[in-house]
Amino acid sequence: TLTGSTPSPHYYGTAYTVSYSLAGGDGSFGGDVTVTAAPGGASCTGAVTGTTGSCEIVVPNGNAGDYTLTGAYAGDGTDATATSASLNHTIS
């Protein structure tokens, strides 16, 4: 699950915190989640601690508009890879 955080509203060229939580598997996750914005492909990667984590994504200057953020979990020794449902996000 992805959730957006601060700042709100979000302006291009500034960092935006994306939090994520994982469920299922053995209930304790290791590894990383990469969050990617489409269009454009801006991304951030953060570690998972237990079941949660976050990273800060920056969309380059001049790229205001509507984006879709998607999280991809890399998996670990006991949990498979996974992809989140999309989070819609507007950048001013």
N, C-alpha and C. Protein backbone atom coordinates (compact mmCIF):
# COMPACT_ATOMS: atom_id res chain seq x y z
N THR A 1 0.84 -1.18 0.00
CA THR A 1 0.00 0.00 0.00
C THR A 1 0.89 1.24 0.00
N LEU A 2 0.59 2.19 -0.87
CA LEU A 2 1.31 3.46 -0.91
C LEU A 2 0.43 4.56 -0.35
N THR A 3 1.03 5.49 0.41
CA THR A 3 0.33 6.69 0.86
C THR A 3 1.25 7.88 0.67
N GLY A 4 0.67 8.99 0.25
CA GLY A 4 1.45 10.23 0.10
C GLY A 4 1.49 10.95 1.42
N SER A 5 2.50 11.78 1.58
CA SER A 5 2.66 12.47 2.85
C SER A 5 2.91 13.95 2.59
N THR A 6 4.02 14.46 3.03
CA THR A 6 4.29 15.90 2.95
C THR A 6 5.22 16.22 1.80
N PRO A 7 5.28 17.42 1.29
CA PRO A 7 4.35 18.52 1.57
C PRO A 7 3.09 18.38 0.74
N SER A 8 2.07 19.11 1.14
CA SER A 8 0.83 19.13 0.38
C SER A 8 0.35 20.57 0.34
N PRO A 9 0.18 21.22 -0.77
CA PRO A 9 0.38 20.66 -2.11
C PRO A 9 1.86 20.43 -2.41
N HIS A 10 2.10 19.66 -3.44
CA HIS A 10 3.45 19.29 -3.83
C HIS A 10 3.81 20.05 -5.11
N TYR A 11 4.96 20.70 -5.10
CA TYR A 11 5.42 21.46 -6.26
C TYR A 11 6.58 20.74 -6.91
N TYR A 12 6.66 20.81 -8.25
CA TYR A 12 7.74 20.13 -8.95
C TYR A 12 9.09 20.65 -8.45
N GLY A 13 10.07 19.79 -8.48
CA GLY A 13 11.41 20.14 -8.02
C GLY A 13 11.62 20.03 -6.52
N THR A 14 10.57 19.70 -5.77
CA THR A 14 10.70 19.53 -4.32
C THR A 14 10.44 18.07 -3.95
N ALA A 15 11.00 17.65 -2.84
CA ALA A 15 10.85 16.27 -2.39
C ALA A 15 9.45 16.03 -1.86
N TYR A 16 8.92 14.85 -2.14
CA TYR A 16 7.61 14.42 -1.66
C TYR A 16 7.79 13.06 -1.00
N THR A 17 7.37 12.95 0.25
CA THR A 17 7.53 11.70 0.99
C THR A 17 6.41 10.72 0.64
N VAL A 18 6.81 9.53 0.22
CA VAL A 18 5.87 8.45 -0.07
C VAL A 18 6.12 7.35 0.96
N SER A 19 5.08 7.00 1.70
CA SER A 19 5.19 5.92 2.69
C SER A 19 4.58 4.66 2.11
N TYR A 20 5.05 3.53 2.54
CA TYR A 20 4.52 2.26 2.06
C TYR A 20 4.43 1.27 3.21
N SER A 21 3.48 0.35 3.08
CA SER A 21 3.35 -0.73 4.04
C SER A 21 3.12 -2.03 3.29
N LEU A 22 3.64 -3.10 3.83
CA LEU A 22 3.51 -4.42 3.21
C LEU A 22 2.75 -5.34 4.15
N ALA A 23 2.02 -6.29 3.56
CA ALA A 23 1.26 -7.26 4.35
C ALA A 23 1.36 -8.61 3.67
N GLY A 24 1.08 -9.66 4.44
CA GLY A 24 1.13 -11.02 3.90
C GLY A 24 2.48 -11.65 4.17
N GLY A 25 2.81 -12.65 3.39
CA GLY A 25 4.09 -13.32 3.56
C GLY A 25 4.27 -13.79 4.99
N ASP A 26 5.50 -13.67 5.49
CA ASP A 26 5.76 -14.08 6.87
C ASP A 26 5.54 -12.94 7.87
N GLY A 27 5.12 -11.76 7.37
CA GLY A 27 4.80 -10.64 8.25
C GLY A 27 5.98 -9.78 8.63
N SER A 28 7.18 -10.17 8.23
CA SER A 28 8.37 -9.37 8.50
C SER A 28 9.18 -9.32 7.20
N PHE A 29 9.32 -8.12 6.66
CA PHE A 29 9.90 -7.96 5.34
C PHE A 29 11.27 -7.31 5.42
N GLY A 30 12.17 -7.75 4.56
CA GLY A 30 13.47 -7.11 4.39
C GLY A 30 13.56 -6.63 2.97
N GLY A 31 14.63 -5.95 2.64
CA GLY A 31 14.81 -5.51 1.27
C GLY A 31 14.29 -4.10 1.05
N ASP A 32 14.07 -3.76 -0.22
CA ASP A 32 13.75 -2.40 -0.61
C ASP A 32 12.45 -2.32 -1.39
N VAL A 33 11.86 -1.11 -1.38
CA VAL A 33 10.74 -0.77 -2.23
C VAL A 33 11.18 0.40 -3.10
N THR A 34 10.94 0.30 -4.39
CA THR A 34 11.20 1.39 -5.32
C THR A 34 9.87 1.96 -5.77
N VAL A 35 9.70 3.27 -5.59
CA VAL A 35 8.49 3.97 -6.01
C VAL A 35 8.82 4.73 -7.28
N THR A 36 8.01 4.53 -8.33
CA THR A 36 8.25 5.16 -9.62
C THR A 36 7.05 5.99 -10.03
N ALA A 37 7.32 7.19 -10.56
CA ALA A 37 6.28 8.09 -11.05
C ALA A 37 6.16 7.94 -12.55
N ALA A 38 4.91 7.86 -13.02
CA ALA A 38 4.67 7.81 -14.47
C ALA A 38 3.67 8.92 -14.80
N PRO A 39 3.91 9.68 -15.85
CA PRO A 39 5.01 9.52 -16.80
C PRO A 39 6.32 10.09 -16.24
N GLY A 40 7.40 9.84 -16.93
CA GLY A 40 8.68 10.45 -16.61
C GLY A 40 9.69 9.55 -15.96
N GLY A 41 9.25 8.62 -15.13
CA GLY A 41 10.17 7.66 -14.55
C GLY A 41 10.96 8.12 -13.34
N ALA A 42 10.65 9.30 -12.75
CA ALA A 42 11.33 9.68 -11.51
C ALA A 42 11.07 8.59 -10.48
N SER A 43 12.07 8.30 -9.64
CA SER A 43 11.88 7.23 -8.67
C SER A 43 12.67 7.49 -7.40
N CYS A 44 12.32 6.75 -6.37
CA CYS A 44 13.07 6.74 -5.12
C CYS A 44 13.03 5.32 -4.57
N THR A 45 14.03 4.96 -3.79
CA THR A 45 14.10 3.63 -3.19
C THR A 45 14.35 3.77 -1.70
N GLY A 46 13.60 3.00 -0.92
CA GLY A 46 13.78 3.01 0.52
C GLY A 46 13.72 1.60 1.08
N ALA A 47 14.32 1.43 2.23
CA ALA A 47 14.34 0.13 2.89
C ALA A 47 13.02 -0.13 3.60
N VAL A 48 12.70 -1.41 3.74
CA VAL A 48 11.54 -1.83 4.52
C VAL A 48 12.05 -2.24 5.89
N THR A 49 11.41 -1.70 6.94
CA THR A 49 11.74 -2.09 8.30
C THR A 49 10.49 -2.73 8.90
N GLY A 50 10.52 -4.04 9.09
CA GLY A 50 9.34 -4.76 9.56
C GLY A 50 8.31 -4.84 8.45
N THR A 51 7.35 -3.92 8.47
CA THR A 51 6.32 -3.90 7.42
C THR A 51 6.18 -2.54 6.75
N THR A 52 6.98 -1.54 7.15
CA THR A 52 6.80 -0.18 6.63
C THR A 52 8.11 0.46 6.21
N GLY A 53 7.98 1.58 5.51
CA GLY A 53 9.13 2.38 5.12
C GLY A 53 8.67 3.59 4.34
N SER A 54 9.63 4.38 3.87
CA SER A 54 9.30 5.56 3.07
C SER A 54 10.52 5.97 2.26
N CYS A 55 10.26 6.80 1.26
CA CYS A 55 11.33 7.41 0.48
C CYS A 55 10.82 8.75 -0.04
N GLU A 56 11.73 9.59 -0.49
CA GLU A 56 11.37 10.91 -1.00
C GLU A 56 11.61 10.95 -2.50
N ILE A 57 10.55 11.26 -3.24
CA ILE A 57 10.64 11.31 -4.69
C ILE A 57 10.66 12.78 -5.13
N VAL A 58 11.45 13.08 -6.15
CA VAL A 58 11.53 14.43 -6.70
C VAL A 58 11.25 14.35 -8.20
N VAL A 59 10.22 15.05 -8.63
CA VAL A 59 9.93 15.16 -10.07
C VAL A 59 10.63 16.42 -10.55
N PRO A 60 11.40 16.34 -11.64
CA PRO A 60 12.21 17.47 -12.09
C PRO A 60 11.41 18.75 -12.34
N ASN A 61 12.10 19.88 -12.24
CA ASN A 61 11.50 21.19 -12.48
C ASN A 61 10.79 21.26 -13.82
N GLY A 62 9.67 21.93 -13.83
CA GLY A 62 8.93 22.15 -15.06
C GLY A 62 7.96 21.06 -15.44
N ASN A 63 7.84 20.03 -14.59
CA ASN A 63 7.00 18.88 -14.93
C ASN A 63 5.75 18.80 -14.06
N ALA A 64 4.96 19.88 -14.02
CA ALA A 64 3.70 19.86 -13.28
C ALA A 64 2.69 18.98 -14.02
N GLY A 65 1.75 18.42 -13.28
CA GLY A 65 0.70 17.62 -13.90
C GLY A 65 0.29 16.45 -13.03
N ASP A 66 -0.46 15.54 -13.62
CA ASP A 66 -0.95 14.36 -12.92
C ASP A 66 0.00 13.19 -13.12
N TYR A 67 0.28 12.49 -12.03
CA TYR A 67 1.21 11.36 -12.05
C TYR A 67 0.57 10.16 -11.39
N THR A 68 1.07 8.99 -11.72
CA THR A 68 0.70 7.75 -11.06
C THR A 68 1.95 7.21 -10.39
N LEU A 69 1.88 6.98 -9.09
CA LEU A 69 2.99 6.42 -8.33
C LEU A 69 2.73 4.94 -8.09
N THR A 70 3.74 4.12 -8.33
CA THR A 70 3.61 2.68 -8.15
C THR A 70 4.82 2.18 -7.36
N GLY A 71 4.58 1.32 -6.38
CA GLY A 71 5.66 0.74 -5.58
C GLY A 71 5.96 -0.68 -6.00
N ALA A 72 7.24 -1.01 -6.04
CA ALA A 72 7.67 -2.37 -6.38
C ALA A 72 8.58 -2.89 -5.27
N TYR A 73 8.14 -3.95 -4.60
CA TYR A 73 8.93 -4.58 -3.54
C TYR A 73 9.87 -5.60 -4.16
N ALA A 74 11.14 -5.54 -3.78
CA ALA A 74 12.16 -6.39 -4.38
C ALA A 74 12.15 -7.82 -3.86
N GLY A 75 11.45 -8.06 -2.77
CA GLY A 75 11.45 -9.40 -2.19
C GLY A 75 12.63 -9.61 -1.25
N ASP A 76 12.58 -10.70 -0.50
CA ASP A 76 13.69 -11.08 0.36
C ASP A 76 13.78 -12.60 0.38
N GLY A 77 14.51 -13.16 1.32
CA GLY A 77 14.72 -14.60 1.34
C GLY A 77 13.47 -15.43 1.55
N THR A 78 12.42 -14.82 2.15
CA THR A 78 11.20 -15.57 2.43
C THR A 78 9.94 -14.96 1.82
N ASP A 79 10.06 -13.77 1.22
CA ASP A 79 8.89 -13.10 0.65
C ASP A 79 9.13 -12.78 -0.82
N ALA A 80 8.12 -13.02 -1.64
CA ALA A 80 8.23 -12.79 -3.09
C ALA A 80 8.14 -11.31 -3.43
N THR A 81 8.54 -10.99 -4.64
CA THR A 81 8.39 -9.63 -5.14
C THR A 81 6.91 -9.27 -5.23
N ALA A 82 6.61 -7.98 -5.21
CA ALA A 82 5.21 -7.54 -5.30
C ALA A 82 5.16 -6.13 -5.85
N THR A 83 4.02 -5.79 -6.46
CA THR A 83 3.79 -4.45 -6.99
C THR A 83 2.51 -3.90 -6.37
N SER A 84 2.54 -2.64 -5.98
CA SER A 84 1.39 -2.01 -5.32
C SER A 84 0.34 -1.59 -6.33
N ALA A 85 -0.84 -1.30 -5.80
CA ALA A 85 -1.84 -0.57 -6.58
C ALA A 85 -1.31 0.85 -6.76
N SER A 86 -1.78 1.54 -7.76
CA SER A 86 -1.30 2.88 -8.08
C SER A 86 -1.88 3.93 -7.12
N LEU A 87 -1.09 4.99 -6.89
CA LEU A 87 -1.51 6.15 -6.13
C LEU A 87 -1.48 7.33 -7.07
N ASN A 88 -2.62 7.99 -7.28
CA ASN A 88 -2.66 9.17 -8.14
C ASN A 88 -2.15 10.37 -7.36
N HIS A 89 -1.38 11.23 -8.05
CA HIS A 89 -0.74 12.36 -7.38
C HIS A 89 -0.63 13.52 -8.36
N THR A 90 -0.98 14.71 -7.90
CA THR A 90 -0.90 15.91 -8.74
C THR A 90 0.24 16.79 -8.25
N ILE A 91 1.05 17.24 -9.18
CA ILE A 91 2.16 18.12 -8.88
C ILE A 91 1.87 19.48 -9.50
N SER A 92 1.97 20.53 -8.67
CA SER A 92 1.67 21.88 -9.13
C SER A 92 2.91 22.57 -9.68
